[in-house]
C-alpha atoms as a PDB file:
ATOM      1  CA  MET A   1     -70.425  48.623 -25.400  1.00  0.00           C
ATOM      2  CA  ARG A   2     -70.120  46.107 -22.557  1.00  0.00           C
ATOM      3  CA  LYS A   3     -70.658  43.351 -24.388  1.00  0.00           C
ATOM      4  CA  ALA A   4     -67.415  44.622 -26.655  1.00  0.00           C
ATOM      5  CA  THR A   5     -64.991  45.630 -23.082  1.00  0.00           C
ATOM      6  CA  ASN A   6     -65.685  42.265 -22.102  1.00  0.00           C
ATOM      7  CA  LYS A   7     -65.121  40.481 -25.288  1.00  0.00           C
ATOM      8  CA  LEU A   8     -61.933  42.315 -25.359  1.00  0.00           C
ATOM      9  CA  ASN A   9     -61.020  41.772 -22.185  1.00  0.00           C
ATOM     10  CA  ARG A  10     -61.759  38.467 -22.733  1.00  0.00           C
ATOM     11  CA  MET A  11     -59.415  38.155 -25.504  1.00  0.00           C
ATOM     12  CA  LEU A  12     -56.359  39.868 -23.906  1.00  0.00           C
ATOM     13  CA  ASN A  13     -56.584  37.461 -20.825  1.00  0.00           C
ATOM     14  CA  THR A  14     -56.356  34.708 -23.587  1.00  0.00           C
ATOM     15  CA  TRP A  15     -53.724  35.897 -25.485  1.00  0.00           C
ATOM     16  CA  GLY A  16     -51.803  36.965 -22.730  1.00  0.00           C
ATOM     17  CA  ARG A  17     -52.097  33.618 -20.787  1.00  0.00           C
ATOM     18  CA  ARG A  18     -50.990  31.513 -24.017  1.00  0.00           C
ATOM     19  CA  THR A  19     -47.989  33.581 -24.670  1.00  0.00           C
ATOM     20  CA  VAL A  20     -46.653  33.084 -21.182  1.00  0.00           C
ATOM     21  CA  THR A  21     -47.879  29.238 -21.302  1.00  0.00           C
ATOM     22  CA  VAL A  22     -46.040  29.126 -24.977  1.00  0.00           C
ATOM     23  CA  VAL A  23     -43.007  30.709 -24.286  1.00  0.00           C
ATOM     24  CA  GLY A  24     -42.619  28.794 -21.004  1.00  0.00           C
ATOM     25  CA  TYR A  25     -43.088  25.634 -22.384  1.00  0.00           C
ATOM     26  CA  VAL A  26     -40.753  26.390 -25.425  1.00  0.00           C
ATOM     27  CA  LEU A  27     -38.169  27.384 -22.719  1.00  0.00           C
ATOM     28  CA  ALA A  28     -38.675  24.221 -20.481  1.00  0.00           C
ATOM     29  CA  TRP A  29     -38.938  21.734 -24.057  1.00  0.00           C
ATOM     30  CA  LEU A  30     -35.617  22.869 -25.290  1.00  0.00           C
ATOM     31  CA  PHE A  31     -33.935  22.703 -21.184  1.00  0.00           C
ATOM     32  CA  VAL A  32     -34.575  19.440 -20.768  1.00  0.00           C
ATOM     33  CA  VAL A  33     -33.891  18.621 -24.488  1.00  0.00           C
ATOM     34  CA  ALA A  34     -30.553  20.299 -24.589  1.00  0.00           C
ATOM     35  CA  THR A  35     -29.908  18.399 -21.232  1.00  0.00           C
ATOM     36  CA  LEU A  36     -31.451  15.085 -21.321  1.00  0.00           C
ATOM     37  CA  PRO A  37     -28.054  12.923 -21.475  1.00  0.00           C
ATOM     38  CA  LEU A  38     -27.271  14.726 -17.998  1.00  0.00           C
ATOM     39  CA  LEU A  39     -30.272  14.419 -16.711  1.00  0.00           C
ATOM     40  CA  LEU A  40     -30.977  11.025 -17.211  1.00  0.00           C
ATOM     41  CA  LEU A  41     -27.290   9.729 -15.831  1.00  0.00           C
ATOM     42  CA  ALA A  42     -27.893  12.083 -12.947  1.00  0.00           C
ATOM     43  CA  THR A  43     -31.158  10.595 -12.147  1.00  0.00           C
ATOM     44  CA  PHE A  44     -30.286   6.997 -12.529  1.00  0.00           C
ATOM     45  CA  VAL A  45     -27.263   7.533 -10.341  1.00  0.00           C
ATOM     46  CA  VAL A  46     -29.706   8.829  -7.770  1.00  0.00           C
ATOM     47  CA  ASP A  47     -32.542   6.000  -8.264  1.00  0.00           C
ATOM     48  CA  LEU A  48     -29.711   3.221  -7.265  1.00  0.00           C
ATOM     49  CA  PHE A  49     -29.237   4.718  -3.767  1.00  0.00           C
ATOM     50  CA  ARG A  50     -33.322   5.181  -3.728  1.00  0.00           C
ATOM     51  CA  GLN A  51     -34.214   1.909  -5.228  1.00  0.00           C
ATOM     52  CA  ASN A  52     -37.616   3.219  -6.000  1.00  0.00           C
ATOM     53  CA  ARG A  53     -37.716   1.462  -9.222  1.00  0.00           C
ATOM     54  CA  PHE A  54     -36.082   3.834 -11.037  1.00  0.00           C
ATOM     55  CA  ALA A  55     -39.042   6.416 -10.842  1.00  0.00           C
ATOM     56  CA  THR A  56     -37.276   9.507 -10.995  1.00  0.00           C
ATOM     57  CA  VAL A  57     -35.562   8.173 -14.676  1.00  0.00           C
ATOM     58  CA  ARG A  58     -39.199   7.047 -15.831  1.00  0.00           C
ATOM     59  CA  ALA A  59     -40.288  10.687 -14.665  1.00  0.00           C
ATOM     60  CA  VAL A  60     -37.598  12.387 -16.474  1.00  0.00           C
ATOM     61  CA  LEU A  61     -38.771  10.576 -19.263  1.00  0.00           C
ATOM     62  CA  MET A  62     -42.327  11.242 -19.230  1.00  0.00           C
ATOM     63  CA  ALA A  63     -41.941  14.633 -18.731  1.00  0.00           C
ATOM     64  CA  THR A  64     -39.853  14.617 -21.835  1.00  0.00           C
ATOM     65  CA  VAL A  65     -42.599  13.013 -23.914  1.00  0.00           C
ATOM     66  CA  PHE A  66     -44.947  15.160 -22.354  1.00  0.00           C
ATOM     67  CA  LEU A  67     -43.168  18.394 -23.380  1.00  0.00           C
ATOM     68  CA  THR A  68     -42.848  16.873 -26.963  1.00  0.00           C
ATOM     69  CA  CYS A  69     -46.046  16.132 -27.344  1.00  0.00           C
ATOM     70  CA  GLU A  70     -47.205  20.088 -26.436  1.00  0.00           C
ATOM     71  CA  MET A  71     -44.787  20.962 -28.732  1.00  0.00           C
ATOM     72  CA  VAL A  72     -45.875  19.035 -31.621  1.00  0.00           C
ATOM     73  CA  GLY A  73     -49.462  20.469 -30.849  1.00  0.00           C
ATOM     74  CA  ILE A  74     -48.966  24.076 -30.700  1.00  0.00           C
ATOM     75  CA  VAL A  75     -47.116  23.642 -34.044  1.00  0.00           C
ATOM     76  CA  THR A  76     -49.830  21.480 -35.875  1.00  0.00           C
ATOM     77  CA  SER A  77     -52.262  23.360 -34.535  1.00  0.00           C
ATOM     78  CA  LEU A  78     -50.771  26.293 -35.734  1.00  0.00           C
ATOM     79  CA  LEU A  79     -50.797  24.343 -39.412  1.00  0.00           C
ATOM     80  CA  ILE A  80     -54.183  23.534 -39.303  1.00  0.00           C
ATOM     81  CA  TRP A  81     -55.488  26.856 -38.680  1.00  0.00           C
ATOM     82  CA  LEU A  82     -52.942  27.939 -41.956  1.00  0.00           C
ATOM     83  CA  PHE A  83     -53.649  24.995 -44.009  1.00  0.00           C
ATOM     84  CA  SER A  84     -57.632  24.786 -43.581  1.00  0.00           C
ATOM     85  CA  PHE A  85     -58.479  28.561 -44.248  1.00  0.00           C
ATOM     86  CA  VAL A  86     -60.884  28.854 -41.718  1.00  0.00           C
ATOM     87  CA  TRP A  87     -59.362  32.613 -41.221  1.00  0.00           C
ATOM     88  CA  ALA A  88     -60.205  33.148 -44.650  1.00  0.00           C
ATOM     89  CA  GLY A  89     -63.637  31.982 -44.641  1.00  0.00           C
ATOM     90  CA  GLY A  90     -62.630  28.008 -45.039  1.00  0.00           C
ATOM     91  CA  ASP A  91     -64.570  24.744 -44.216  1.00  0.00           C
ATOM     92  CA  ASN A  92     -65.380  24.965 -40.675  1.00  0.00           C
ATOM     93  CA  ALA A  93     -66.256  21.889 -40.104  1.00  0.00           C
ATOM     94  CA  ARG A  94     -63.165  20.780 -41.684  1.00  0.00           C
ATOM     95  CA  PHE A  95     -61.380  22.802 -39.195  1.00  0.00           C
ATOM     96  CA  ILE A  96     -63.397  21.196 -36.195  1.00  0.00           C
ATOM     97  CA  ARG A  97     -62.559  17.621 -37.578  1.00  0.00           C
ATOM     98  CA  TRP A  98     -58.991  18.192 -37.777  1.00  0.00           C
ATOM     99  CA  ASN A  99     -58.442  19.637 -34.243  1.00  0.00           C
ATOM    100  CA  PHE A 100     -60.757  16.313 -32.677  1.00  0.00           C
ATOM    101  CA  ASN A 101     -57.910  14.420 -34.628  1.00  0.00           C
ATOM    102  CA  LEU A 102     -55.199  16.257 -33.025  1.00  0.00           C
ATOM    103  CA  GLN A 103     -56.816  15.924 -29.383  1.00  0.00           C
ATOM    104  CA  GLN A 104     -57.275  12.662 -29.887  1.00  0.00           C
ATOM    105  CA  TRP A 105     -53.579  11.998 -30.861  1.00  0.00           C
ATOM    106  CA  TRP A 106     -52.411  13.729 -27.953  1.00  0.00           C
ATOM    107  CA  THR A 107     -54.030  12.378 -25.502  1.00  0.00           C
ATOM    108  CA  ALA A 108     -53.929   8.745 -26.803  1.00  0.00           C
ATOM    109  CA  THR A 109     -50.033   9.264 -27.748  1.00  0.00           C
ATOM    110  CA  LEU A 110     -49.756  10.543 -23.689  1.00  0.00           C
ATOM    111  CA  PHE A 111     -51.288   7.288 -22.324  1.00  0.00           C
ATOM    112  CA  ALA A 112     -49.555   4.890 -24.653  1.00  0.00           C
ATOM    113  CA  ALA A 113     -46.190   6.787 -23.707  1.00  0.00           C
ATOM    114  CA  ALA A 114     -47.254   6.475 -19.967  1.00  0.00           C
ATOM    115  CA  GLN A 115     -48.481   2.505 -20.389  1.00  0.00           C
ATOM    116  CA  ARG A 116     -44.442   1.882 -21.950  1.00  0.00           C
ATOM    117  CA  ILE A 117     -42.846   4.260 -19.103  1.00  0.00           C
ATOM    118  CA  TYR A 118     -44.145   3.020 -15.942  1.00  0.00           C
ATOM    119  CA  GLN A 119     -44.710  -0.599 -17.540  1.00  0.00           C
ATOM    120  CA  LEU A 120     -49.208   0.103 -16.447  1.00  0.00           C
ATOM    121  CA  ARG A 121     -51.163  -2.509 -17.627  1.00  0.00           C
ATOM    122  CA  LEU A 122     -54.885  -1.586 -18.320  1.00  0.00           C
ATOM    123  CA  GLU A 123     -57.881  -4.056 -18.378  1.00  0.00           C
ATOM    124  CA  VAL A 124     -61.329  -3.215 -18.799  1.00  0.00           C
ATOM    125  CA  THR A 125     -64.433  -5.310 -18.077  1.00  0.00           C
ATOM    126  CA  GLY A 126     -68.233  -4.108 -17.888  1.00  0.00           C
ATOM    127  CA  ASP A 127     -70.391  -3.293 -20.859  1.00  0.00           C
ATOM    128  CA  PRO A 128     -68.792  -2.901 -24.236  1.00  0.00           C
ATOM    129  CA  ILE A 129     -68.893   0.678 -25.280  1.00  0.00           C
ATOM    130  CA  GLU A 130     -69.069   0.275 -29.062  1.00  0.00           C
ATOM    131  CA  ARG A 131     -70.778   3.001 -30.266  1.00  0.00           C
ATOM    132  CA  GLY A 132     -72.497   6.782 -29.332  1.00  0.00           C
ATOM    133  CA  PRO A 133     -73.704   9.197 -28.562  1.00  0.00           C
ATOM    134  CA  ILE A 134     -72.965   8.847 -25.130  1.00  0.00           C
ATOM    135  CA  ILE A 135     -72.572  10.617 -22.128  1.00  0.00           C
ATOM    136  CA  VAL A 136     -69.081   9.333 -19.763  1.00  0.00           C
ATOM    137  CA  PHE A 137     -69.221   9.957 -15.553  1.00  0.00           C
ATOM    138  CA  MET A 138     -65.639   9.060 -14.786  1.00  0.00           C
ATOM    139  CA  ARG A 139     -64.292   8.891 -11.319  1.00  0.00           C
ATOM    140  CA  HIS A 140     -61.564  11.055 -10.765  1.00  0.00           C
ATOM    141  CA  THR A 141     -58.569  10.087  -8.687  1.00  0.00           C
ATOM    142  CA  SER A 142     -54.920  11.232 -10.171  1.00  0.00           C
ATOM    143  CA  LEU A 143     -53.785  13.546 -13.178  1.00  0.00           C
ATOM    144  CA  ALA A 144     -53.339  10.485 -14.670  1.00  0.00           C
ATOM    145  CA  ASP A 145     -57.114   9.319 -15.836  1.00  0.00           C
ATOM    146  CA  THR A 146     -57.450  12.506 -17.403  1.00  0.00           C
ATOM    147  CA  MET A 147     -55.597  10.668 -20.155  1.00  0.00           C
ATOM    148  CA  LEU A 148     -57.298   7.465 -19.186  1.00  0.00           C
ATOM    149  CA  PRO A 149     -60.741   8.325 -21.664  1.00  0.00           C
ATOM    150  CA  ALA A 150     -58.988   8.158 -24.914  1.00  0.00           C
ATOM    151  CA  ALA A 151     -57.475   4.224 -24.385  1.00  0.00           C
ATOM    152  CA  LEU A 152     -61.021   3.179 -23.142  1.00  0.00           C
ATOM    153  CA  PHE A 153     -62.858   4.912 -25.707  1.00  0.00           C
ATOM    154  CA  SER A 154     -61.047   6.211 -28.478  1.00  0.00           C
ATOM    155  CA  ARG A 155     -58.065   4.025 -29.125  1.00  0.00           C
ATOM    156  CA  ARG A 156     -60.692   0.988 -29.086  1.00  0.00           C
ATOM    157  CA  GLN A 157     -63.921   2.333 -30.426  1.00  0.00           C
ATOM    158  CA  GLY A 158     -62.696   5.241 -32.077  1.00  0.00           C
ATOM    159  CA  LEU A 159     -65.023   7.675 -30.144  1.00  0.00           C
ATOM    160  CA  VAL A 160     -64.543  11.285 -30.326  1.00  0.00           C
ATOM    161  CA  LEU A 161     -64.720  12.796 -26.647  1.00  0.00           C
ATOM    162  CA  ARG A 162     -65.786  16.311 -25.694  1.00  0.00           C
ATOM    163  CA  TYR A 163     -64.591  17.355 -22.237  1.00  0.00           C
ATOM    164  CA  VAL A 164     -66.064  19.084 -19.302  1.00  0.00           C
ATOM    165  CA  LEU A 165     -62.063  19.868 -17.397  1.00  0.00           C
ATOM    166  CA  LYS A 166     -61.412  22.570 -14.850  1.00  0.00           C
ATOM    167  CA  ARG A 167     -60.442  25.951 -16.243  1.00  0.00           C
ATOM    168  CA  GLU A 168     -56.833  25.612 -14.759  1.00  0.00           C
ATOM    169  CA  LEU A 169     -56.329  23.163 -17.650  1.00  0.00           C
ATOM    170  CA  LEU A 170     -55.676  26.214 -19.734  1.00  0.00           C
ATOM    171  CA  TRP A 171     -52.489  26.729 -18.336  1.00  0.00           C
ATOM    172  CA  ASP A 172     -51.823  24.247 -20.852  1.00  0.00           C
ATOM    173  CA  PRO A 173     -50.985  25.658 -24.173  1.00  0.00           C
ATOM    174  CA  CYS A 174     -52.552  22.941 -26.404  1.00  0.00           C
ATOM    175  CA  ILE A 175     -55.697  21.976 -24.159  1.00  0.00           C
ATOM    176  CA  ASP A 176     -56.073  25.939 -23.789  1.00  0.00           C
ATOM    177  CA  ILE A 177     -55.728  26.231 -28.141  1.00  0.00           C
ATOM    178  CA  VAL A 178     -56.859  23.192 -29.075  1.00  0.00           C
ATOM    179  CA  GLY A 179     -59.728  22.801 -26.776  1.00  0.00           C
ATOM    180  CA  ASN A 180     -61.093  26.328 -27.574  1.00  0.00           C
ATOM    181  CA  ARG A 181     -61.359  25.356 -30.869  1.00  0.00           C
ATOM    182  CA  ILE A 182     -63.968  22.212 -30.525  1.00  0.00           C
ATOM    183  CA  PRO A 183     -66.721  21.513 -28.238  1.00  0.00           C
ATOM    184  CA  ASN A 184     -65.640  21.268 -24.971  1.00  0.00           C
ATOM    185  CA  ALA A 185     -66.144  23.128 -21.586  1.00  0.00           C
ATOM    186  CA  PHE A 186     -64.109  24.289 -18.918  1.00  0.00           C
ATOM    187  CA  VAL A 187     -65.396  24.155 -15.074  1.00  0.00           C
ATOM    188  CA  GLU A 188     -65.050  27.055 -12.283  1.00  0.00           C
ATOM    189  CA  ARG A 189     -63.093  25.269  -9.991  1.00  0.00           C
ATOM    190  CA  GLY A 190     -65.591  24.707  -6.813  1.00  0.00           C
ATOM    191  CA  THR A 191     -68.616  24.994  -7.984  1.00  0.00           C
ATOM    192  CA  GLY A 192     -69.015  22.148 -10.870  1.00  0.00           C
ATOM    193  CA  ASN A 193     -70.541  24.567 -13.296  1.00  0.00           C
ATOM    194  CA  ILE A 194     -69.632  24.958 -16.657  1.00  0.00           C
ATOM    195  CA  SER A 195     -68.103  28.608 -17.507  1.00  0.00           C
ATOM    196  CA  GLY A 196     -70.414  29.919 -20.231  1.00  0.00           C
ATOM    197  CA  GLY A 197     -73.736  28.865 -18.801  1.00  0.00           C
ATOM    198  CA  VAL A 198     -76.302  27.107 -21.034  1.00  0.00           C
ATOM    199  CA  GLU A 199     -74.760  28.125 -24.710  1.00  0.00           C
ATOM    200  CA  VAL A 200     -71.592  26.315 -23.576  1.00  0.00           C
ATOM    201  CA  VAL A 201     -73.694  23.620 -22.658  1.00  0.00           C
ATOM    202  CA  ARG A 202     -76.088  23.612 -25.861  1.00  0.00           C
ATOM    203  CA  ARG A 203     -72.687  23.797 -27.915  1.00  0.00           C
ATOM    204  CA  LEU A 204     -71.626  20.699 -26.353  1.00  0.00           C
ATOM    205  CA  MET A 205     -74.314  18.869 -26.511  1.00  0.00           C
ATOM    206  CA  SER A 206     -75.313  20.001 -30.427  1.00  0.00           C
ATOM    207  CA  GLY A 207     -74.535  17.220 -33.408  1.00  0.00           C
ATOM    208  CA  LEU A 208     -74.108  14.391 -31.482  1.00  0.00           C
ATOM    209  CA  THR A 209     -73.522  11.080 -33.253  1.00  0.00           C
ATOM    210  CA  GLU A 210     -72.567   7.228 -32.903  1.00  0.00           C
ATOM    211  CA  ARG A 211     -69.031   8.394 -33.144  1.00  0.00           C
ATOM    212  CA  ASP A 212     -69.605  10.975 -30.370  1.00  0.00           C
ATOM    213  CA  GLY A 213     -69.370  11.030 -27.087  1.00  0.00           C
ATOM    214  CA  ILE A 214     -68.876  13.650 -23.978  1.00  0.00           C
ATOM    215  CA  LEU A 215     -67.347  12.958 -20.710  1.00  0.00           C
ATOM    216  CA  ILE A 216     -67.665  14.729 -17.359  1.00  0.00           C
ATOM    217  CA  TYR A 217     -65.705  14.197 -13.821  1.00  0.00           C
ATOM    218  CA  PRO A 218     -68.993  15.063 -11.823  1.00  0.00           C
ATOM    219  CA  GLU A 219     -67.073  14.985  -8.214  1.00  0.00           C
ATOM    220  CA  GLY A 220     -64.990  17.874  -9.844  1.00  0.00           C
ATOM    221  CA  THR A 221     -61.525  17.499  -8.214  1.00  0.00           C
ATOM    222  CA  ARG A 222     -59.347  13.945  -7.363  1.00  0.00           C
ATOM    223  CA  PHE A 223     -60.846  12.041  -4.677  1.00  0.00           C
ATOM    224  CA  THR A 224     -59.020  11.862  -1.226  1.00  0.00           C
ATOM    225  CA  PRO A 225     -61.024  10.865   2.187  1.00  0.00           C
ATOM    226  CA  ALA A 226     -59.977  14.355   3.335  1.00  0.00           C
ATOM    227  CA  LYS A 227     -61.933  16.284   0.481  1.00  0.00           C
ATOM    228  CA  LEU A 228     -64.701  13.581   0.977  1.00  0.00           C
ATOM    229  CA  GLN A 229     -65.359  14.712   4.278  1.00  0.00           C
ATOM    230  CA  LYS A 230     -65.274  18.172   3.351  1.00  0.00           C
ATOM    231  CA  ALA A 231     -67.607  17.500   0.898  1.00  0.00           C
ATOM    232  CA  LEU A 232     -70.053  16.201   3.500  1.00  0.00           C
ATOM    233  CA  ALA A 233     -69.757  18.596   5.746  1.00  0.00           C
ATOM    234  CA  ARG A 234     -70.451  20.790   2.945  1.00  0.00           C
ATOM    235  CA  LEU A 235     -73.878  19.567   2.376  1.00  0.00           C
ATOM    236  CA  GLN A 236     -74.895  19.458   5.799  1.00  0.00           C
ATOM    237  CA  GLN A 237     -74.264  23.074   6.583  1.00  0.00           C
ATOM    238  CA  GLY A 238     -75.986  24.035   2.867  1.00  0.00           C
ATOM    239  CA  SER A 239     -79.824  22.808   1.997  1.00  0.00           C
ATOM    240  CA  GLY A 240     -78.958  19.369   1.089  1.00  0.00           C
ATOM    241  CA  ALA A 241     -79.805  17.785   4.153  1.00  0.00           C
ATOM    242  CA  ARG A 242     -81.263  14.910   2.029  1.00  0.00           C
ATOM    243  CA  LEU A 243     -78.170  14.501  -0.343  1.00  0.00           C
ATOM    244  CA  HIS A 244     -76.329  14.438   2.660  1.00  0.00           C
ATOM    245  CA  ALA A 245     -78.092  10.936   3.372  1.00  0.00           C
ATOM    246  CA  LYS A 246     -76.995   9.280   0.536  1.00  0.00           C
ATOM    247  CA  ALA A 247     -73.623  11.309   0.240  1.00  0.00           C
ATOM    248  CA  SER A 248     -72.126   9.822   3.761  1.00  0.00           C
ATOM    249  CA  LYS A 249     -72.602   6.083   2.299  1.00  0.00           C
ATOM    250  CA  LEU A 250     -69.998   6.765   0.031  1.00  0.00           C
ATOM    251  CA  GLN A 251     -66.367   5.767   1.347  1.00  0.00           C
ATOM    252  CA  ASN A 252     -64.446   5.847  -2.140  1.00  0.00           C
ATOM    253  CA  VAL A 253     -65.638   8.762  -4.416  1.00  0.00           C
ATOM    254  CA  LEU A 254     -66.781  11.891  -3.536  1.00  0.00           C
ATOM    255  CA  PRO A 255     -70.503  13.175  -3.964  1.00  0.00           C
ATOM    256  CA  PRO A 256     -71.396  14.467  -7.407  1.00  0.00           C
ATOM    257  CA  ARG A 257     -71.413  17.920  -8.331  1.00  0.00           C
ATOM    258  CA  LEU A 258     -74.546  18.437  -9.910  1.00  0.00           C
ATOM    259  CA  GLY A 259     -74.301  21.370 -11.955  1.00  0.00           C
ATOM    260  CA  GLY A 260     -72.561  20.359 -15.235  1.00  0.00           C
ATOM    261  CA  PRO A 261     -73.970  17.205 -15.011  1.00  0.00           C
ATOM    262  CA  LEU A 262     -77.417  18.328 -14.869  1.00  0.00           C
ATOM    263  CA  ALA A 263     -76.714  20.796 -16.973  1.00  0.00           C
ATOM    264  CA  ILE A 264     -76.112  18.231 -19.577  1.00  0.00           C
ATOM    265  CA  LEU A 265     -78.578  15.823 -18.959  1.00  0.00           C
ATOM    266  CA  GLU A 266     -81.635  18.356 -19.136  1.00  0.00           C
ATOM    267  CA  LEU A 267     -80.144  19.393 -22.891  1.00  0.00           C
ATOM    268  CA  ASN A 268     -79.632  15.631 -23.901  1.00  0.00           C
ATOM    269  CA  GLU A 269     -81.783  14.325 -26.515  1.00  0.00           C
ATOM    270  CA  ASN A 270     -80.524  10.939 -27.686  1.00  0.00           C
ATOM    271  CA  ALA A 271     -76.982  10.009 -25.730  1.00  0.00           C
ATOM    272  CA  ASP A 272     -77.212   6.965 -23.292  1.00  0.00           C
ATOM    273  CA  ALA A 273     -75.298   7.393 -20.123  1.00  0.00           C
ATOM    274  CA  VAL A 274     -72.202   5.725 -19.553  1.00  0.00           C
ATOM    275  CA  PHE A 275     -70.622   5.536 -16.168  1.00  0.00           C
ATOM    276  CA  CYS A 276     -66.841   4.447 -15.401  1.00  0.00           C
ATOM    277  CA  ALA A 277     -64.926   3.222 -11.736  1.00  0.00           C
ATOM    278  CA  HIS A 278     -61.543   2.529 -12.124  1.00  0.00           C
ATOM    279  CA  VAL A 279     -58.830   1.701 -10.044  1.00  0.00           C
ATOM    280  CA  GLY A 280     -55.063   1.616 -10.251  1.00  0.00           C
ATOM    281  CA  LEU A 281     -54.081   5.011 -10.387  1.00  0.00           C
ATOM    282  CA  GLU A 282     -54.530   6.439  -7.367  1.00  0.00           C
ATOM    283  CA  SER A 283     -50.535   6.331  -6.568  1.00  0.00           C
ATOM    284  CA  ALA A 284     -50.234   9.002  -9.497  1.00  0.00           C
ATOM    285  CA  VAL A 285     -51.949  11.560  -7.165  1.00  0.00           C
ATOM    286  CA  THR A 286     -48.557  14.300  -6.414  1.00  0.00           C
ATOM    287  CA  ALA A 287     -45.175  14.497  -7.418  1.00  0.00           C
ATOM    288  CA  ASN A 288     -43.780  12.564  -4.803  1.00  0.00           C
ATOM    289  CA  ASP A 289     -45.887   9.618  -6.173  1.00  0.00           C
ATOM    290  CA  LEU A 290     -44.060   9.795  -8.774  1.00  0.00           C
ATOM    291  CA  LEU A 291     -41.200   9.719  -7.742  1.00  0.00           C
ATOM    292  CA  SER A 292     -41.325   7.430  -5.145  1.00  0.00           C
ATOM    293  CA  GLY A 293     -42.322   4.101  -8.076  1.00  0.00           C
ATOM    294  CA  LYS A 294     -45.403   3.533  -6.435  1.00  0.00           C
ATOM    295  CA  LEU A 295     -47.179   3.700  -9.825  1.00  0.00           C
ATOM    296  CA  VAL A 296     -44.737   1.039 -11.813  1.00  0.00           C
ATOM    297  CA  GLY A 297     -46.351  -2.137 -12.460  1.00  0.00           C
ATOM    298  CA  GLN A 298     -49.791  -1.100 -11.994  1.00  0.00           C
ATOM    299  CA  THR A 299     -52.660  -2.943 -13.266  1.00  0.00           C
ATOM    300  CA  ILE A 300     -55.463  -0.262 -14.459  1.00  0.00           C
ATOM    301  CA  ARG A 301     -58.480  -1.904 -13.862  1.00  0.00           C
ATOM    302  CA  ALA A 302     -61.440  -0.029 -15.215  1.00  0.00           C
ATOM    303  CA  ASN A 303     -65.691  -1.306 -15.916  1.00  0.00           C
ATOM    304  CA  CYS A 304     -67.867   0.688 -17.447  1.00  0.00           C
ATOM    305  CA  TRP A 305     -71.724   0.415 -17.274  1.00  0.00           C
ATOM    306  CA  ARG A 306     -74.402   1.433 -19.723  1.00  0.00           C
ATOM    307  CA  VAL A 307     -77.705   3.124 -18.853  1.00  0.00           C
ATOM    308  CA  PRO A 308     -79.609   3.448 -22.125  1.00  0.00           C
ATOM    309  CA  PHE A 309     -81.240   7.181 -23.254  1.00  0.00           C
ATOM    310  CA  ALA A 310     -84.789   5.685 -22.490  1.00  0.00           C
ATOM    311  CA  LYS A 311     -83.989   4.651 -18.720  1.00  0.00           C
ATOM    312  CA  ILE A 312     -82.299   7.883 -17.720  1.00  0.00           C
ATOM    313  CA  PRO A 313     -85.398   9.948 -15.923  1.00  0.00           C
ATOM    314  CA  ARG A 314     -86.184  13.479 -17.066  1.00  0.00           C
ATOM    315  CA  GLY A 315     -86.522  16.270 -14.241  1.00  0.00           C
ATOM    316  CA  ALA A 316     -83.693  17.564 -12.209  1.00  0.00           C
ATOM    317  CA  GLU A 317     -84.784  16.248  -8.837  1.00  0.00           C
ATOM    318  CA  ALA A 318     -85.388  12.721 -10.613  1.00  0.00           C
ATOM    319  CA  GLN A 319     -81.834  12.758 -12.541  1.00  0.00           C
ATOM    320  CA  THR A 320     -80.355  14.299  -9.097  1.00  0.00           C
ATOM    321  CA  ASP A 321     -81.340  10.800  -7.424  1.00  0.00           C
ATOM    322  CA  TRP A 322     -80.591   8.705  -9.983  1.00  0.00           C
ATOM    323  CA  LEU A 323     -76.752  10.068 -10.289  1.00  0.00           C
ATOM    324  CA  TYR A 324     -76.458   9.657  -6.416  1.00  0.00           C
ATOM    325  CA  GLU A 325     -77.380   6.117  -7.373  1.00  0.00           C
ATOM    326  CA  ARG A 326     -75.374   5.231  -9.806  1.00  0.00           C
ATOM    327  CA  TRP A 327     -72.374   6.696  -8.285  1.00  0.00           C
ATOM    328  CA  ALA A 328     -72.969   4.842  -5.306  1.00  0.00           C
ATOM    329  CA  LYS A 329     -72.671   1.800  -7.599  1.00  0.00           C
ATOM    330  CA  VAL A 330     -69.245   2.823  -8.771  1.00  0.00           C
ATOM    331  CA  ASP A 331     -67.972   3.280  -5.119  1.00  0.00           C
ATOM    332  CA  GLU A 332     -69.154   0.124  -4.341  1.00  0.00           C
ATOM    333  CA  TRP A 333     -67.227  -1.432  -7.205  1.00  0.00           C
ATOM    334  CA  VAL A 334     -64.309   0.277  -6.306  1.00  0.00           C
ATOM    335  CA  GLY A 335     -64.387  -0.536  -2.557  1.00  0.00           C
ATOM    336  CA  ARG A 336     -64.492  -4.544  -4.247  1.00  0.00           C
ATOM    337  CA  GLN A 337     -61.152  -3.511  -5.773  1.00  0.00           C
ATOM    338  CA  ASN A 338     -59.403  -1.976  -2.660  1.00  0.00           C
ATOM    339  CA  LEU A 339     -60.334  -5.103  -0.384  1.00  0.00           C
END
């Protein structure tokens, strides 16, 4: 009885949230499209006085692209549900594949638009990542770097990514609808623990092929110096004295939260690990950053290191030390780029 009640409550919460977000995003898109000429004219005049490389105009264009992608995603997700006939017992594998394709298109389109609107350049070095299965541990600095994996792993190599994301992103209707249809996982903010526990992780890890990858941001939140000090204090106050000694050497990244990464590594049967460091998106943390023009013309540099499955240690303690050692390498690389 309790399970049935909990399931009903989750369903009501989900559809209540989706009603609010879908209606809200549709109204926002209609407003932007209807007023776009006036918005562009007004922001053009503002930017002439601010001399910020037309950052406000660029922000309006990016918001328009984003909301349009949301509309396409919402409508397409409905069409996928209808024409896959999954509601009538149709092919579930085809349903999941179509939703994966939609997720790939959405992320790749947004990143490509950001590149053009903000005149971004992308330079990729390090180990070639041509095939999976892989588990990607990626640095997190801004909202924009959630789109970067599409450019690094999907658009270039055609890898299909399964994401570990924070639950707040469920307030984006496309991420909510499509992201919950396919093997993605959502993390409870401030814990690093994957919501749903072992079963969700098992679903995330099942059926990985050479075309698949899992992506997780082990820091759990965007890096700032203040957050680094807070994370170090948390380790010092808790039972993590050994980890605090390792984490205190970090300067450009946050210490990894272990809940999600260790849960994934525990069930890993054949995937290599890839550590991805990047710089160039630090100026896109807040809305004020985007409106300042700091992002315009930036060069995004990314470097990846691949660790074969056979070289990933077994056991939580050994994997913890290994994660910290690898994350220190990410920290060192970022520090060199910022010199």
